[in-house]
N, C-alpha and C. Protein backbone atom coordinates (compact mmCIF):
# COMPACT_ATOMS: atom_id res chain seq x y z
N UNK A 1 68.26 -21.01 -145.29
CA UNK A 1 66.81 -20.80 -145.22
C UNK A 1 66.35 -21.00 -143.83
N UNK A 2 65.55 -20.16 -143.29
CA UNK A 2 64.99 -20.24 -142.00
C UNK A 2 63.88 -21.28 -141.80
N UNK A 3 63.71 -21.68 -140.60
CA UNK A 3 62.66 -22.67 -140.30
C UNK A 3 61.30 -22.01 -140.36
N UNK A 4 60.30 -22.75 -140.75
CA UNK A 4 58.94 -22.16 -140.92
C UNK A 4 58.21 -22.24 -139.55
N UNK A 5 58.64 -23.10 -138.65
CA UNK A 5 58.01 -23.27 -137.35
C UNK A 5 56.45 -23.67 -137.55
N UNK A 6 56.22 -24.42 -138.59
CA UNK A 6 54.85 -24.79 -138.88
C UNK A 6 54.15 -25.45 -137.73
N UNK A 7 54.88 -26.08 -136.81
CA UNK A 7 54.34 -26.83 -135.75
C UNK A 7 53.64 -25.91 -134.73
N UNK A 8 53.91 -24.64 -134.72
CA UNK A 8 53.29 -23.68 -133.80
C UNK A 8 51.89 -23.20 -134.27
N UNK A 9 51.54 -23.59 -135.55
CA UNK A 9 50.27 -23.20 -136.15
C UNK A 9 49.30 -24.35 -136.16
N UNK A 10 48.00 -24.06 -136.32
CA UNK A 10 47.04 -25.12 -136.32
C UNK A 10 47.09 -25.91 -137.64
N UNK A 11 46.57 -27.08 -137.57
CA UNK A 11 46.48 -27.93 -138.79
C UNK A 11 45.85 -27.14 -139.98
N UNK A 12 44.75 -26.47 -139.61
CA UNK A 12 43.94 -25.68 -140.66
C UNK A 12 44.87 -24.63 -141.20
N UNK A 13 45.54 -23.88 -140.39
CA UNK A 13 46.47 -22.80 -140.91
C UNK A 13 47.54 -23.37 -141.76
N UNK A 14 48.13 -24.51 -141.50
CA UNK A 14 49.04 -25.14 -142.29
C UNK A 14 48.45 -25.56 -143.60
N UNK A 15 47.26 -26.16 -143.57
CA UNK A 15 46.61 -26.54 -144.78
C UNK A 15 46.33 -25.33 -145.69
N UNK A 16 45.82 -24.28 -145.22
CA UNK A 16 45.62 -23.07 -146.04
C UNK A 16 46.89 -22.60 -146.60
N UNK A 17 47.95 -22.59 -145.87
CA UNK A 17 49.22 -22.11 -146.38
C UNK A 17 49.76 -23.01 -147.50
N UNK A 18 49.61 -24.30 -147.32
CA UNK A 18 50.05 -25.25 -148.34
C UNK A 18 49.18 -25.17 -149.65
N UNK A 19 47.95 -24.87 -149.49
CA UNK A 19 47.06 -24.70 -150.66
C UNK A 19 47.51 -23.40 -151.37
N UNK A 20 47.73 -22.38 -150.58
CA UNK A 20 48.12 -21.02 -151.23
C UNK A 20 49.43 -21.19 -151.85
N UNK A 21 50.34 -22.00 -151.32
CA UNK A 21 51.67 -22.25 -152.03
C UNK A 21 51.42 -23.06 -153.33
N UNK A 22 50.48 -23.93 -153.32
CA UNK A 22 50.26 -24.68 -154.60
C UNK A 22 49.66 -23.76 -155.63
N UNK A 23 48.89 -22.82 -155.20
CA UNK A 23 48.27 -21.86 -156.22
C UNK A 23 49.23 -20.72 -156.46
N UNK A 24 50.34 -20.66 -155.80
CA UNK A 24 51.28 -19.49 -155.89
C UNK A 24 52.17 -19.51 -157.14
N UNK A 25 52.03 -20.50 -157.99
CA UNK A 25 52.78 -20.56 -159.17
C UNK A 25 51.82 -20.74 -160.37
N UNK A 26 51.94 -19.96 -161.37
CA UNK A 26 51.04 -19.99 -162.54
C UNK A 26 51.10 -21.32 -163.29
N UNK A 27 52.23 -21.98 -163.24
CA UNK A 27 52.30 -23.31 -163.95
C UNK A 27 51.39 -24.32 -163.26
N UNK A 28 51.34 -24.27 -161.92
CA UNK A 28 50.44 -25.22 -161.16
C UNK A 28 49.02 -24.88 -161.46
N UNK A 29 48.73 -23.67 -161.51
CA UNK A 29 47.33 -23.22 -161.78
C UNK A 29 46.97 -23.72 -163.18
N UNK A 30 47.86 -23.55 -164.13
CA UNK A 30 47.57 -24.00 -165.57
C UNK A 30 47.45 -25.50 -165.59
N UNK A 31 48.24 -26.26 -164.87
CA UNK A 31 48.07 -27.67 -164.82
C UNK A 31 46.74 -28.07 -164.31
N UNK A 32 46.33 -27.52 -163.22
CA UNK A 32 44.99 -27.79 -162.63
C UNK A 32 43.88 -27.44 -163.65
N UNK A 33 44.00 -26.30 -164.23
CA UNK A 33 42.94 -25.88 -165.26
C UNK A 33 42.92 -26.89 -166.39
N UNK A 34 44.07 -27.31 -166.85
CA UNK A 34 44.07 -28.31 -167.95
C UNK A 34 43.46 -29.65 -167.55
N UNK A 35 43.76 -30.09 -166.32
CA UNK A 35 43.22 -31.39 -165.90
C UNK A 35 41.69 -31.25 -165.75
N UNK A 36 41.19 -30.12 -165.34
CA UNK A 36 39.75 -29.97 -165.25
C UNK A 36 39.11 -29.84 -166.61
N UNK A 37 39.82 -29.21 -167.56
CA UNK A 37 39.32 -29.05 -168.97
C UNK A 37 39.23 -30.39 -169.63
N UNK A 38 40.21 -31.23 -169.53
CA UNK A 38 40.14 -32.56 -170.20
C UNK A 38 39.30 -33.53 -169.44
N UNK A 39 39.14 -33.33 -168.13
CA UNK A 39 38.23 -34.21 -167.30
C UNK A 39 38.62 -35.70 -167.40
N UNK A 40 39.96 -35.97 -167.54
CA UNK A 40 40.41 -37.36 -167.51
C UNK A 40 41.91 -37.35 -167.13
N UNK A 41 42.44 -38.50 -167.05
CA UNK A 41 43.90 -38.63 -166.73
C UNK A 41 44.68 -38.35 -168.06
N UNK A 42 45.82 -37.73 -167.80
CA UNK A 42 46.74 -37.44 -168.86
C UNK A 42 48.10 -37.97 -168.50
N UNK A 43 48.94 -38.22 -169.51
CA UNK A 43 50.24 -38.66 -169.28
C UNK A 43 51.30 -37.61 -169.76
N UNK A 44 51.53 -37.57 -171.06
CA UNK A 44 52.56 -36.67 -171.58
C UNK A 44 52.07 -35.37 -172.19
N UNK A 45 50.85 -35.11 -172.13
CA UNK A 45 50.33 -33.89 -172.83
C UNK A 45 50.71 -32.55 -172.13
N UNK A 46 51.08 -32.62 -170.85
CA UNK A 46 51.30 -31.36 -170.07
C UNK A 46 52.51 -30.53 -170.69
N UNK A 47 53.61 -31.23 -171.03
CA UNK A 47 54.71 -30.52 -171.57
C UNK A 47 54.37 -29.64 -172.74
N UNK A 48 53.65 -30.25 -173.63
CA UNK A 48 53.18 -29.63 -174.86
C UNK A 48 52.17 -28.49 -174.56
N UNK A 49 51.24 -28.79 -173.67
CA UNK A 49 50.19 -27.89 -173.28
C UNK A 49 50.69 -26.67 -172.55
N UNK A 50 51.49 -26.88 -171.57
CA UNK A 50 51.95 -25.80 -170.67
C UNK A 50 53.20 -25.07 -171.21
N UNK A 51 53.99 -25.80 -171.97
CA UNK A 51 55.12 -25.12 -172.64
C UNK A 51 56.34 -24.99 -171.81
N UNK A 52 56.44 -25.90 -170.75
CA UNK A 52 57.64 -25.89 -169.90
C UNK A 52 58.39 -27.23 -170.08
N UNK A 53 59.64 -27.24 -169.64
CA UNK A 53 60.44 -28.48 -169.83
C UNK A 53 59.84 -29.63 -168.93
N UNK A 54 60.11 -30.90 -169.36
CA UNK A 54 59.60 -32.02 -168.60
C UNK A 54 59.99 -32.02 -167.17
N UNK A 55 61.26 -31.78 -166.79
CA UNK A 55 61.62 -31.74 -165.40
C UNK A 55 60.83 -30.66 -164.57
N UNK A 56 60.62 -29.56 -165.21
CA UNK A 56 59.82 -28.48 -164.58
C UNK A 56 58.43 -28.91 -164.27
N UNK A 57 57.81 -29.50 -165.33
CA UNK A 57 56.39 -30.00 -165.17
C UNK A 57 56.39 -31.07 -164.09
N UNK A 58 57.35 -31.91 -164.08
CA UNK A 58 57.38 -33.05 -163.06
C UNK A 58 57.46 -32.44 -161.65
N UNK A 59 58.27 -31.43 -161.51
CA UNK A 59 58.33 -30.79 -160.16
C UNK A 59 57.00 -30.22 -159.71
N UNK A 60 56.34 -29.56 -160.65
CA UNK A 60 54.99 -28.95 -160.33
C UNK A 60 54.00 -29.99 -160.02
N UNK A 61 54.03 -31.08 -160.80
CA UNK A 61 53.13 -32.19 -160.53
C UNK A 61 53.42 -32.83 -159.16
N UNK A 62 54.69 -32.94 -158.80
CA UNK A 62 55.03 -33.49 -157.48
C UNK A 62 54.45 -32.59 -156.41
N UNK A 63 54.56 -31.28 -156.57
CA UNK A 63 54.03 -30.37 -155.49
C UNK A 63 52.49 -30.49 -155.40
N UNK A 64 51.82 -30.59 -156.48
CA UNK A 64 50.37 -30.79 -156.45
C UNK A 64 49.97 -32.10 -155.93
N UNK A 65 50.74 -33.14 -156.18
CA UNK A 65 50.43 -34.43 -155.67
C UNK A 65 50.73 -34.54 -154.15
N UNK A 66 51.80 -33.91 -153.71
CA UNK A 66 52.13 -33.91 -152.35
C UNK A 66 51.05 -33.33 -151.39
N UNK A 67 50.32 -32.32 -151.85
CA UNK A 67 49.24 -31.79 -151.06
C UNK A 67 48.00 -32.41 -151.35
N UNK A 68 47.88 -33.32 -152.34
CA UNK A 68 46.77 -34.21 -152.55
C UNK A 68 45.79 -33.64 -153.55
N UNK A 69 46.09 -32.56 -154.29
CA UNK A 69 45.08 -32.05 -155.21
C UNK A 69 44.97 -32.90 -156.47
N UNK A 70 46.05 -33.56 -156.80
CA UNK A 70 46.06 -34.48 -157.93
C UNK A 70 46.49 -35.88 -157.49
N UNK A 71 46.20 -36.87 -158.30
CA UNK A 71 46.68 -38.20 -158.04
C UNK A 71 47.25 -38.73 -159.32
N UNK A 72 48.17 -39.75 -159.21
CA UNK A 72 48.75 -40.28 -160.35
C UNK A 72 48.70 -41.81 -160.31
N UNK A 73 48.49 -42.36 -161.49
CA UNK A 73 48.43 -43.82 -161.60
C UNK A 73 49.54 -44.24 -162.65
N UNK A 74 50.24 -45.34 -162.39
CA UNK A 74 51.17 -45.80 -163.35
C UNK A 74 50.53 -46.67 -164.41
N UNK A 75 50.69 -46.20 -165.65
CA UNK A 75 50.15 -47.03 -166.83
C UNK A 75 51.24 -47.29 -167.74
N UNK A 76 51.76 -48.51 -167.70
CA UNK A 76 52.92 -48.86 -168.55
C UNK A 76 54.19 -48.14 -168.05
N UNK A 77 54.77 -47.41 -168.91
CA UNK A 77 55.95 -46.58 -168.54
C UNK A 77 55.60 -45.13 -168.20
N UNK A 78 54.34 -44.79 -168.12
CA UNK A 78 53.92 -43.45 -167.89
C UNK A 78 53.15 -43.33 -166.59
N UNK A 79 53.12 -42.20 -166.03
CA UNK A 79 52.25 -41.92 -164.90
C UNK A 79 51.19 -40.88 -165.41
N UNK A 80 49.93 -41.25 -165.21
CA UNK A 80 48.87 -40.48 -165.65
C UNK A 80 48.26 -39.79 -164.48
N UNK A 81 47.97 -38.48 -164.60
CA UNK A 81 47.50 -37.68 -163.52
C UNK A 81 46.05 -37.11 -163.79
N UNK A 82 45.35 -36.97 -162.67
CA UNK A 82 43.97 -36.41 -162.70
C UNK A 82 43.74 -35.70 -161.36
N UNK A 83 42.64 -34.95 -161.33
CA UNK A 83 42.27 -34.29 -160.09
C UNK A 83 41.79 -35.29 -159.07
N UNK A 84 42.20 -35.11 -157.86
CA UNK A 84 41.70 -35.95 -156.70
C UNK A 84 40.43 -35.31 -156.20
N UNK A 85 39.38 -35.88 -156.64
CA UNK A 85 38.01 -35.22 -156.47
C UNK A 85 37.75 -35.08 -154.93
N UNK A 86 38.05 -36.02 -154.13
CA UNK A 86 37.78 -35.95 -152.68
C UNK A 86 38.61 -34.84 -152.04
N UNK A 87 39.85 -34.85 -152.32
CA UNK A 87 40.69 -33.80 -151.74
C UNK A 87 40.37 -32.39 -152.30
N UNK A 88 39.99 -32.32 -153.51
CA UNK A 88 39.57 -31.02 -154.15
C UNK A 88 38.37 -30.50 -153.39
N UNK A 89 37.38 -31.33 -153.06
CA UNK A 89 36.23 -30.87 -152.38
C UNK A 89 36.57 -30.40 -150.93
N UNK A 90 37.51 -31.14 -150.28
CA UNK A 90 37.92 -30.70 -148.93
C UNK A 90 38.66 -29.40 -148.97
N UNK A 91 39.53 -29.23 -150.01
CA UNK A 91 40.22 -27.98 -150.17
C UNK A 91 39.31 -26.84 -150.35
N UNK A 92 38.28 -27.03 -151.19
CA UNK A 92 37.32 -25.95 -151.42
C UNK A 92 36.64 -25.58 -150.16
N UNK A 93 36.29 -26.55 -149.28
CA UNK A 93 35.60 -26.23 -148.09
C UNK A 93 36.54 -25.43 -147.14
N UNK A 94 37.76 -25.81 -147.03
CA UNK A 94 38.74 -25.21 -146.14
C UNK A 94 38.97 -23.70 -146.63
N UNK A 95 39.15 -23.57 -147.92
CA UNK A 95 39.49 -22.22 -148.43
C UNK A 95 38.19 -21.33 -148.39
N UNK A 96 37.03 -21.94 -148.66
CA UNK A 96 35.80 -21.17 -148.61
C UNK A 96 35.51 -20.60 -147.26
N UNK A 97 35.68 -21.43 -146.23
CA UNK A 97 35.48 -21.01 -144.83
C UNK A 97 36.41 -19.88 -144.47
N UNK A 98 37.66 -20.06 -144.97
CA UNK A 98 38.65 -18.95 -144.68
C UNK A 98 38.30 -17.66 -145.39
N UNK A 99 37.96 -17.72 -146.65
CA UNK A 99 37.65 -16.55 -147.46
C UNK A 99 36.33 -15.94 -147.14
N UNK A 100 35.43 -16.71 -146.54
CA UNK A 100 34.10 -16.19 -146.22
C UNK A 100 34.04 -15.51 -144.84
N UNK A 101 35.16 -15.31 -144.26
CA UNK A 101 35.21 -14.54 -142.98
C UNK A 101 34.91 -13.09 -143.26
N UNK A 102 34.18 -12.46 -142.39
CA UNK A 102 33.82 -11.04 -142.58
C UNK A 102 34.21 -10.31 -141.39
N UNK A 103 34.55 -9.01 -141.59
CA UNK A 103 34.81 -8.15 -140.44
C UNK A 103 33.46 -7.69 -139.75
N UNK A 104 33.60 -7.52 -138.50
CA UNK A 104 32.39 -7.01 -137.81
C UNK A 104 32.21 -5.57 -138.33
N UNK A 105 30.98 -5.32 -138.72
CA UNK A 105 30.65 -3.96 -139.28
C UNK A 105 30.92 -2.85 -138.26
N UNK A 106 30.88 -3.11 -137.01
CA UNK A 106 31.08 -2.10 -135.95
C UNK A 106 32.54 -1.77 -135.72
N UNK A 107 33.43 -2.45 -136.32
CA UNK A 107 34.86 -2.17 -136.08
C UNK A 107 35.26 -0.97 -136.93
N UNK A 108 35.87 0.00 -136.25
CA UNK A 108 36.34 1.16 -136.96
C UNK A 108 37.85 1.15 -136.90
N UNK A 109 38.47 0.65 -137.93
CA UNK A 109 39.94 0.53 -137.93
C UNK A 109 40.49 1.33 -139.14
N UNK A 110 41.66 1.90 -138.84
CA UNK A 110 42.42 2.68 -139.89
C UNK A 110 41.48 3.64 -140.73
């Protein structure tokens, strides 16, 4: 596998790419939607709700946690997950600024 050379890009460009990667798998989108729907921390419900194997769910949770969109707390022998509200707000700002870019109306291309 080739190197991404992420160091040659800005922090914002890397953040947008990481967010896009997180949203790039339907299981991660489904996990986020479920966490918003229940509006609380969950432990074991995701396997049943999403319909994937526990190791697969764990890997998707790890990806979402690594970029900070969710957080997890240890409760007994389980880890409970919920949306990281502060990071979710930051992510929305970053993505909104990126998506709200508009082309100059005077440009005549293609």
